[in-house]
Amino acid sequence: MTIDEQIIHANHKLGRDEAILDCMNAIEAEQDLLYQAMDARRQEMRSERVNGYDIDKDLVVVKLRAQIDVLYVMHKTLSKL
């Protein structure tokens, strides 16, 4: 491989790595937003003082947790590239 080809290859790898890091940062930001939404929902349920209601089984909280789990897997997959 010529030096020019090596430079092109290195630039492509660098661009790919930067794109992966950008995706990972976006995933982390989305996870933070989902955690905030989940905490807000829990607080909302607590403020309504729903007696005997398991907040962690609330459908909204369950869906938010599932989205967080999907993002976690995506993040782990990207970190291995």
PDB file of N, CA and C in Angstrom:
ATOM      1  N   MET A   1       0.855  -1.175   0.000  1.00  0.00           N
ATOM      2  CA  MET A   1       0.000   0.000   0.000  1.00  0.00           C
ATOM      3  C   MET A   1       0.902   1.239   0.000  1.00  0.00           C
ATOM      4  N   THR A   2       0.596   2.164  -0.885  1.00  0.00           N
ATOM      5  CA  THR A   2       1.397   3.389  -0.965  1.00  0.00           C
ATOM      6  C   THR A   2       1.084   4.298   0.229  1.00  0.00           C
ATOM      7  N   ILE A   3       1.910   5.281   0.408  1.00  0.00           N
ATOM      8  CA  ILE A   3       1.702   6.235   1.511  1.00  0.00           C
ATOM      9  C   ILE A   3       0.381   6.966   1.325  1.00  0.00           C
ATOM     10  N   ASP A   4       0.069   7.348   0.099  1.00  0.00           N
ATOM     11  CA  ASP A   4      -1.210   8.028  -0.165  1.00  0.00           C
ATOM     12  C   ASP A   4      -2.382   7.131   0.196  1.00  0.00           C
ATOM     13  N   GLU A   5      -2.286   5.853  -0.157  1.00  0.00           N
ATOM     14  CA  GLU A   5      -3.360   4.909   0.183  1.00  0.00           C
ATOM     15  C   GLU A   5      -3.471   4.728   1.691  1.00  0.00           C
ATOM     16  N   GLN A   6      -2.323   4.700   2.373  1.00  0.00           N
ATOM     17  CA  GLN A   6      -2.327   4.581   3.831  1.00  0.00           C
ATOM     18  C   GLN A   6      -2.982   5.799   4.477  1.00  0.00           C
ATOM     19  N   ILE A   7      -2.697   6.969   3.941  1.00  0.00           N
ATOM     20  CA  ILE A   7      -3.300   8.207   4.465  1.00  0.00           C
ATOM     21  C   ILE A   7      -4.807   8.189   4.251  1.00  0.00           C
ATOM     22  N   ILE A   8      -5.219   7.787   3.057  1.00  0.00           N
ATOM     23  CA  ILE A   8      -6.663   7.706   2.768  1.00  0.00           C
ATOM     24  C   ILE A   8      -7.325   6.701   3.701  1.00  0.00           C
ATOM     25  N   HIS A   9      -6.688   5.549   3.886  1.00  0.00           N
ATOM     26  CA  HIS A   9      -7.228   4.514   4.771  1.00  0.00           C
ATOM     27  C   HIS A   9      -7.337   5.041   6.205  1.00  0.00           C
ATOM     28  N   ALA A  10      -6.287   5.719   6.669  1.00  0.00           N
ATOM     29  CA  ALA A  10      -6.286   6.269   8.030  1.00  0.00           C
ATOM     30  C   ALA A  10      -7.374   7.325   8.190  1.00  0.00           C
ATOM     31  N   ASN A  11      -7.568   8.160   7.175  1.00  0.00           N
ATOM     32  CA  ASN A  11      -8.616   9.189   7.241  1.00  0.00           C
ATOM     33  C   ASN A  11     -10.006   8.562   7.284  1.00  0.00           C
ATOM     34  N   HIS A  12     -10.206   7.493   6.521  1.00  0.00           N
ATOM     35  CA  HIS A  12     -11.500   6.802   6.544  1.00  0.00           C
ATOM     36  C   HIS A  12     -11.748   6.196   7.925  1.00  0.00           C
ATOM     37  N   LYS A  13     -10.710   5.575   8.495  1.00  0.00           N
ATOM     38  CA  LYS A  13     -10.849   4.978   9.824  1.00  0.00           C
ATOM     39  C   LYS A  13     -11.128   6.049  10.862  1.00  0.00           C
ATOM     40  N   LEU A  14     -10.415   7.167  10.764  1.00  0.00           N
ATOM     41  CA  LEU A  14     -10.628   8.273  11.697  1.00  0.00           C
ATOM     42  C   LEU A  14     -12.052   8.806  11.581  1.00  0.00           C
ATOM     43  N   GLY A  15     -12.531   8.979  10.351  1.00  0.00           N
ATOM     44  CA  GLY A  15     -13.900   9.450  10.141  1.00  0.00           C
ATOM     45  C   GLY A  15     -14.915   8.467  10.695  1.00  0.00           C
ATOM     46  N   ARG A  16     -14.667   7.177  10.488  1.00  0.00           N
ATOM     47  CA  ARG A  16     -15.560   6.134  11.009  1.00  0.00           C
ATOM     48  C   ARG A  16     -15.566   6.167  12.533  1.00  0.00           C
ATOM     49  N   ASP A  17     -14.374   6.269  13.130  1.00  0.00           N
ATOM     50  CA  ASP A  17     -14.279   6.317  14.588  1.00  0.00           C
ATOM     51  C   ASP A  17     -14.996   7.540  15.154  1.00  0.00           C
ATOM     52  N   GLU A  18     -14.854   8.670  14.487  1.00  0.00           N
ATOM     53  CA  GLU A  18     -15.537   9.892  14.940  1.00  0.00           C
ATOM     54  C   GLU A  18     -17.056   9.729  14.821  1.00  0.00           C
ATOM     55  N   ALA A  19     -17.501   9.089  13.755  1.00  0.00           N
ATOM     56  CA  ALA A  19     -18.939   8.861  13.583  1.00  0.00           C
ATOM     57  C   ALA A  19     -19.468   7.936  14.670  1.00  0.00           C
ATOM     58  N   ILE A  20     -18.700   6.909  15.007  1.00  0.00           N
ATOM     59  CA  ILE A  20     -19.105   5.987  16.073  1.00  0.00           C
ATOM     60  C   ILE A  20     -19.198   6.734  17.395  1.00  0.00           C
ATOM     61  N   LEU A  21     -18.200   7.571  17.687  1.00  0.00           N
ATOM     62  CA  LEU A  21     -18.233   8.351  18.934  1.00  0.00           C
ATOM     63  C   LEU A  21     -19.418   9.310  18.962  1.00  0.00           C
ATOM     64  N   ASP A  22     -19.722   9.924  17.832  1.00  0.00           N
ATOM     65  CA  ASP A  22     -20.893  10.805  17.757  1.00  0.00           C
ATOM     66  C   ASP A  22     -22.167  10.030  18.062  1.00  0.00           C
ATOM     67  N   CYS A  23     -22.280   8.831  17.506  1.00  0.00           N
ATOM     68  CA  CYS A  23     -23.458   7.991  17.765  1.00  0.00           C
ATOM     69  C   CYS A  23     -23.534   7.605  19.238  1.00  0.00           C
ATOM     70  N   MET A  24     -22.398   7.236  19.806  1.00  0.00           N
ATOM     71  CA  MET A  24     -22.382   6.860  21.221  1.00  0.00           C
ATOM     72  C   MET A  24     -22.780   8.039  22.107  1.00  0.00           C
ATOM     73  N   ASN A  25     -22.302   9.227  21.776  1.00  0.00           N
ATOM     74  CA  ASN A  25     -22.681  10.428  22.537  1.00  0.00           C
ATOM     75  C   ASN A  25     -24.173  10.710  22.410  1.00  0.00           C
ATOM     76  N   ALA A  26     -24.714  10.528  21.213  1.00  0.00           N
ATOM     77  CA  ALA A  26     -26.152  10.738  21.009  1.00  0.00           C
ATOM     78  C   ALA A  26     -26.957   9.718  21.802  1.00  0.00           C
ATOM     79  N   ILE A  27     -26.491   8.488  21.836  1.00  0.00           N
ATOM     80  CA  ILE A  27     -27.180   7.450  22.604  1.00  0.00           C
ATOM     81  C   ILE A  27     -27.170   7.800  24.084  1.00  0.00           C
ATOM     82  N   GLU A  28     -26.029   8.240  24.593  1.00  0.00           N
ATOM     83  CA  GLU A  28     -25.936   8.623  26.002  1.00  0.00           C
ATOM     84  C   GLU A  28     -26.875   9.781  26.322  1.00  0.00           C
ATOM     85  N   ALA A  29     -26.961  10.744  25.429  1.00  0.00           N
ATOM     86  CA  ALA A  29     -27.864  11.878  25.642  1.00  0.00           C
ATOM     87  C   ALA A  29     -29.319  11.414  25.651  1.00  0.00           C
ATOM     88  N   GLU A  30     -29.662  10.516  24.737  1.00  0.00           N
ATOM     89  CA  GLU A  30     -31.028   9.974  24.689  1.00  0.00           C
ATOM     90  C   GLU A  30     -31.342   9.179  25.950  1.00  0.00           C
ATOM     91  N   GLN A  31     -30.365   8.407  26.431  1.00  0.00           N
ATOM     92  CA  GLN A  31     -30.564   7.665  27.671  1.00  0.00           C
ATOM     93  C   GLN A  31     -30.838   8.617  28.828  1.00  0.00           C
ATOM     94  N   ASP A  32     -30.083   9.703  28.894  1.00  0.00           N
ATOM     95  CA  ASP A  32     -30.296  10.688  29.955  1.00  0.00           C
ATOM     96  C   ASP A  32     -31.712  11.259  29.905  1.00  0.00           C
ATOM     97  N   LEU A  33     -32.178  11.571  28.707  1.00  0.00           N
ATOM     98  CA  LEU A  33     -33.541  12.095  28.559  1.00  0.00           C
ATOM     99  C   LEU A  33     -34.582  11.066  29.002  1.00  0.00           C
ATOM    100  N   LEU A  34     -34.352   9.807  28.660  1.00  0.00           N
ATOM    101  CA  LEU A  34     -35.292   8.759  29.060  1.00  0.00           C
ATOM    102  C   LEU A  34     -35.298   8.563  30.571  1.00  0.00           C
ATOM    103  N   TYR A  35     -34.118   8.619  31.192  1.00  0.00           N
ATOM    104  CA  TYR A  35     -34.061   8.521  32.655  1.00  0.00           C
ATOM    105  C   TYR A  35     -34.807   9.690  33.298  1.00  0.00           C
ATOM    106  N   GLN A  36     -34.648  10.872  32.729  1.00  0.00           N
ATOM    107  CA  GLN A  36     -35.367  12.037  33.250  1.00  0.00           C
ATOM    108  C   GLN A  36     -36.878  11.854  33.113  1.00  0.00           C
ATOM    109  N   ALA A  37     -37.311  11.338  31.975  1.00  0.00           N
ATOM    110  CA  ALA A  37     -38.740  11.100  31.762  1.00  0.00           C
ATOM    111  C   ALA A  37     -39.256  10.050  32.738  1.00  0.00           C
ATOM    112  N   MET A  38     -38.467   9.012  32.970  1.00  0.00           N
ATOM    113  CA  MET A  38     -38.872   7.965  33.896  1.00  0.00           C
ATOM    114  C   MET A  38     -38.963   8.511  35.318  1.00  0.00           C
ATOM    115  N   ASP A  39     -37.992   9.315  35.709  1.00  0.00           N
ATOM    116  CA  ASP A  39     -38.031   9.924  37.043  1.00  0.00           C
ATOM    117  C   ASP A  39     -39.220  10.870  37.191  1.00  0.00           C
ATOM    118  N   ALA A  40     -39.515  11.620  36.133  1.00  0.00           N
ATOM    119  CA  ALA A  40     -40.666  12.527  36.167  1.00  0.00           C
ATOM    120  C   ALA A  40     -41.965  11.747  36.309  1.00  0.00           C
ATOM    121  N   ARG A  41     -42.078  10.633  35.588  1.00  0.00           N
ATOM    122  CA  ARG A  41     -43.284   9.796  35.679  1.00  0.00           C
ATOM    123  C   ARG A  41     -43.424   9.227  37.085  1.00  0.00           C
ATOM    124  N   ARG A  42     -42.325   8.766  37.655  1.00  0.00           N
ATOM    125  CA  ARG A  42     -42.374   8.233  39.027  1.00  0.00           C
ATOM    126  C   ARG A  42     -42.805   9.316  40.008  1.00  0.00           C
ATOM    127  N   GLN A  43     -42.245  10.506  39.829  1.00  0.00           N
ATOM    128  CA  GLN A  43     -42.614  11.618  40.713  1.00  0.00           C
ATOM    129  C   GLN A  43     -44.093  11.964  40.550  1.00  0.00           C
ATOM    130  N   GLU A  44     -44.567  11.951  39.323  1.00  0.00           N
ATOM    131  CA  GLU A  44     -45.980  12.221  39.042  1.00  0.00           C
ATOM    132  C   GLU A  44     -46.867  11.199  39.749  1.00  0.00           C
ATOM    133  N   MET A  45     -46.479   9.945  39.670  1.00  0.00           N
ATOM    134  CA  MET A  45     -47.268   8.888  40.309  1.00  0.00           C
ATOM    135  C   MET A  45     -47.235   9.039  41.828  1.00  0.00           C
ATOM    136  N   ARG A  46     -46.073   9.409  42.356  1.00  0.00           N
ATOM    137  CA  ARG A  46     -45.970   9.602  43.804  1.00  0.00           C
ATOM    138  C   ARG A  46     -46.820  10.792  44.258  1.00  0.00           C
ATOM    139  N   SER A  47     -46.808  11.850  43.454  1.00  0.00           N
ATOM    140  CA  SER A  47     -47.550  13.045  43.840  1.00  0.00           C
ATOM    141  C   SER A  47     -49.058  12.790  43.827  1.00  0.00           C
ATOM    142  N   GLU A  48     -49.492  11.863  42.972  1.00  0.00           N
ATOM    143  CA  GLU A  48     -50.906  11.493  42.959  1.00  0.00           C
ATOM    144  C   GLU A  48     -51.244  10.546  44.105  1.00  0.00           C
ATOM    145  N   ARG A  49     -50.194  10.088  44.777  1.00  0.00           N
ATOM    146  CA  ARG A  49     -50.338   9.207  45.937  1.00  0.00           C
ATOM    147  C   ARG A  49     -51.252   8.018  45.639  1.00  0.00           C
ATOM    148  N   VAL A  50     -50.860   7.318  44.606  1.00  0.00           N
ATOM    149  CA  VAL A  50     -51.614   6.124  44.227  1.00  0.00           C
ATOM    150  C   VAL A  50     -51.262   5.026  45.223  1.00  0.00           C
ATOM    151  N   ASN A  51     -52.214   4.679  46.057  1.00  0.00           N
ATOM    152  CA  ASN A  51     -51.980   3.668  47.079  1.00  0.00           C
ATOM    153  C   ASN A  51     -52.005   2.265  46.487  1.00  0.00           C
ATOM    154  N   GLY A  52     -51.030   1.472  46.898  1.00  0.00           N
ATOM    155  CA  GLY A  52     -50.979   0.088  46.462  1.00  0.00           C
ATOM    156  C   GLY A  52     -50.555  -0.096  45.017  1.00  0.00           C
ATOM    157  N   TYR A  53     -50.106   0.968  44.383  1.00  0.00           N
ATOM    158  CA  TYR A  53     -49.722   0.897  42.970  1.00  0.00           C
ATOM    159  C   TYR A  53     -48.210   0.785  42.888  1.00  0.00           C
ATOM    160  N   ASP A  54     -47.729  -0.236  42.215  1.00  0.00           N
ATOM    161  CA  ASP A  54     -46.292  -0.437  42.047  1.00  0.00           C
ATOM    162  C   ASP A  54     -45.812   0.442  40.895  1.00  0.00           C
ATOM    163  N   ILE A  55     -45.127   1.507  41.249  1.00  0.00           N
ATOM    164  CA  ILE A  55     -44.680   2.479  40.257  1.00  0.00           C
ATOM    165  C   ILE A  55     -43.782   1.828  39.209  1.00  0.00           C
ATOM    166  N   ASP A  56     -42.951   0.878  39.629  1.00  0.00           N
ATOM    167  CA  ASP A  56     -42.026   0.229  38.702  1.00  0.00           C
ATOM    168  C   ASP A  56     -42.737  -0.662  37.689  1.00  0.00           C
ATOM    169  N   LYS A  57     -44.018  -0.957  37.912  1.00  0.00           N
ATOM    170  CA  LYS A  57     -44.782  -1.745  36.948  1.00  0.00           C
ATOM    171  C   LYS A  57     -45.685  -0.871  36.078  1.00  0.00           C
ATOM    172  N   ASP A  58     -45.594   0.426  36.297  1.00  0.00           N
ATOM    173  CA  ASP A  58     -46.346   1.376  35.479  1.00  0.00           C
ATOM    174  C   ASP A  58     -45.917   1.210  34.018  1.00  0.00           C
ATOM    175  N   LEU A  59     -46.879   1.161  33.117  1.00  0.00           N
ATOM    176  CA  LEU A  59     -46.601   0.895  31.711  1.00  0.00           C
ATOM    177  C   LEU A  59     -45.637   1.912  31.106  1.00  0.00           C
ATOM    178  N   VAL A  60     -45.794   3.163  31.457  1.00  0.00           N
ATOM    179  CA  VAL A  60     -44.907   4.202  30.926  1.00  0.00           C
ATOM    180  C   VAL A  60     -43.472   3.953  31.395  1.00  0.00           C
ATOM    181  N   VAL A  61     -43.311   3.646  32.670  1.00  0.00           N
ATOM    182  CA  VAL A  61     -41.973   3.384  33.216  1.00  0.00           C
ATOM    183  C   VAL A  61     -41.367   2.144  32.570  1.00  0.00           C
ATOM    184  N   VAL A  62     -42.165   1.110  32.388  1.00  0.00           N
ATOM    185  CA  VAL A  62     -41.682  -0.123  31.753  1.00  0.00           C
ATOM    186  C   VAL A  62     -41.215   0.155  30.320  1.00  0.00           C
ATOM    187  N   LYS A  63     -41.992   0.937  29.573  1.00  0.00           N
ATOM    188  CA  LYS A  63     -41.610   1.269  28.194  1.00  0.00           C
ATOM    189  C   LYS A  63     -40.327   2.102  28.166  1.00  0.00           C
ATOM    190  N   LEU A  64     -40.212   3.069  29.071  1.00  0.00           N
ATOM    191  CA  LEU A  64     -39.009   3.890  29.126  1.00  0.00           C
ATOM    192  C   LEU A  64     -37.793   3.035  29.463  1.00  0.00           C
ATOM    193  N   ARG A  65     -37.954   2.128  30.404  1.00  0.00           N
ATOM    194  CA  ARG A  65     -36.845   1.251  30.780  1.00  0.00           C
ATOM    195  C   ARG A  65     -36.440   0.367  29.596  1.00  0.00           C
ATOM    196  N   ALA A  66     -37.419  -0.109  28.827  1.00  0.00           N
ATOM    197  CA  ALA A  66     -37.122  -0.939  27.652  1.00  0.00           C
ATOM    198  C   ALA A  66     -36.331  -0.134  26.618  1.00  0.00           C
ATOM    199  N   GLN A  67     -36.705   1.115  26.417  1.00  0.00           N
ATOM    200  CA  GLN A  67     -35.973   1.968  25.469  1.00  0.00           C
ATOM    201  C   GLN A  67     -34.538   2.191  25.946  1.00  0.00           C
ATOM    202  N   ILE A  68     -34.375   2.387  27.236  1.00  0.00           N
ATOM    203  CA  ILE A  68     -33.039   2.571  27.806  1.00  0.00           C
ATOM    204  C   ILE A  68     -32.206   1.308  27.583  1.00  0.00           C
ATOM    205  N   ASP A  69     -32.817   0.152  27.780  1.00  0.00           N
ATOM    206  CA  ASP A  69     -32.107  -1.114  27.581  1.00  0.00           C
ATOM    207  C   ASP A  69     -31.662  -1.288  26.130  1.00  0.00           C
ATOM    208  N   VAL A  70     -32.521  -0.919  25.193  1.00  0.00           N
ATOM    209  CA  VAL A  70     -32.164  -1.010  23.766  1.00  0.00           C
ATOM    210  C   VAL A  70     -30.985  -0.092  23.469  1.00  0.00           C
ATOM    211  N   LEU A  71     -31.039   1.117  23.989  1.00  0.00           N
ATOM    212  CA  LEU A  71     -29.940   2.057  23.768  1.00  0.00           C
ATOM    213  C   LEU A  71     -28.646   1.555  24.403  1.00  0.00           C
ATOM    214  N   TYR A  72     -28.754   0.900  25.543  1.00  0.00           N
ATOM    215  CA  TYR A  72     -27.575   0.340  26.203  1.00  0.00           C
ATOM    216  C   TYR A  72     -26.905  -0.701  25.308  1.00  0.00           C
ATOM    217  N   VAL A  73     -27.713  -1.567  24.710  1.00  0.00           N
ATOM    218  CA  VAL A  73     -27.178  -2.599  23.812  1.00  0.00           C
ATOM    219  C   VAL A  73     -26.530  -1.949  22.585  1.00  0.00           C
ATOM    220  N   MET A  74     -27.177  -0.937  22.040  1.00  0.00           N
ATOM    221  CA  MET A  74     -26.607  -0.230  20.891  1.00  0.00           C
ATOM    222  C   MET A  74     -25.260   0.388  21.259  1.00  0.00           C
ATOM    223  N   HIS A  75     -25.203   1.001  22.427  1.00  0.00           N
ATOM    224  CA  HIS A  75     -23.974   1.646  22.889  1.00  0.00           C
ATOM    225  C   HIS A  75     -22.861   0.609  23.047  1.00  0.00           C
ATOM    226  N   LYS A  76     -23.173  -0.520  23.678  1.00  0.00           N
ATOM    227  CA  LYS A  76     -22.190  -1.588  23.866  1.00  0.00           C
ATOM    228  C   LYS A  76     -21.696  -2.115  22.526  1.00  0.00           C
ATOM    229  N   THR A  77     -22.604  -2.285  21.584  1.00  0.00           N
ATOM    230  CA  THR A  77     -22.224  -2.781  20.262  1.00  0.00           C
ATOM    231  C   THR A  77     -21.277  -1.808  19.568  1.00  0.00           C
ATOM    232  N   LEU A  78     -21.606  -0.530  19.625  1.00  0.00           N
ATOM    233  CA  LEU A  78     -20.744   0.478  19.003  1.00  0.00           C
ATOM    234  C   LEU A  78     -19.378   0.545  19.662  1.00  0.00           C
ATOM    235  N   SER A  79     -19.336   0.347  20.978  1.00  0.00           N
ATOM    236  CA  SER A  79     -18.061   0.446  21.674  1.00  0.00           C
ATOM    237  C   SER A  79     -17.112  -0.690  21.292  1.00  0.00           C
ATOM    238  N   LYS A  80     -17.647  -1.756  20.725  1.00  0.00           N
ATOM    239  CA  LYS A  80     -16.813  -2.891  20.310  1.00  0.00           C
ATOM    240  C   LYS A  80     -16.281  -2.740  18.891  1.00  0.00           C
ATOM    241  N   LEU A  81     -16.783  -1.753  18.153  1.00  0.00           N
ATOM    242  CA  LEU A  81     -16.318  -1.572  16.763  1.00  0.00           C
ATOM    243  C   LEU A  81     -14.938  -0.965  16.702  1.00  0.00           C
TER     244      LEU A  81
END
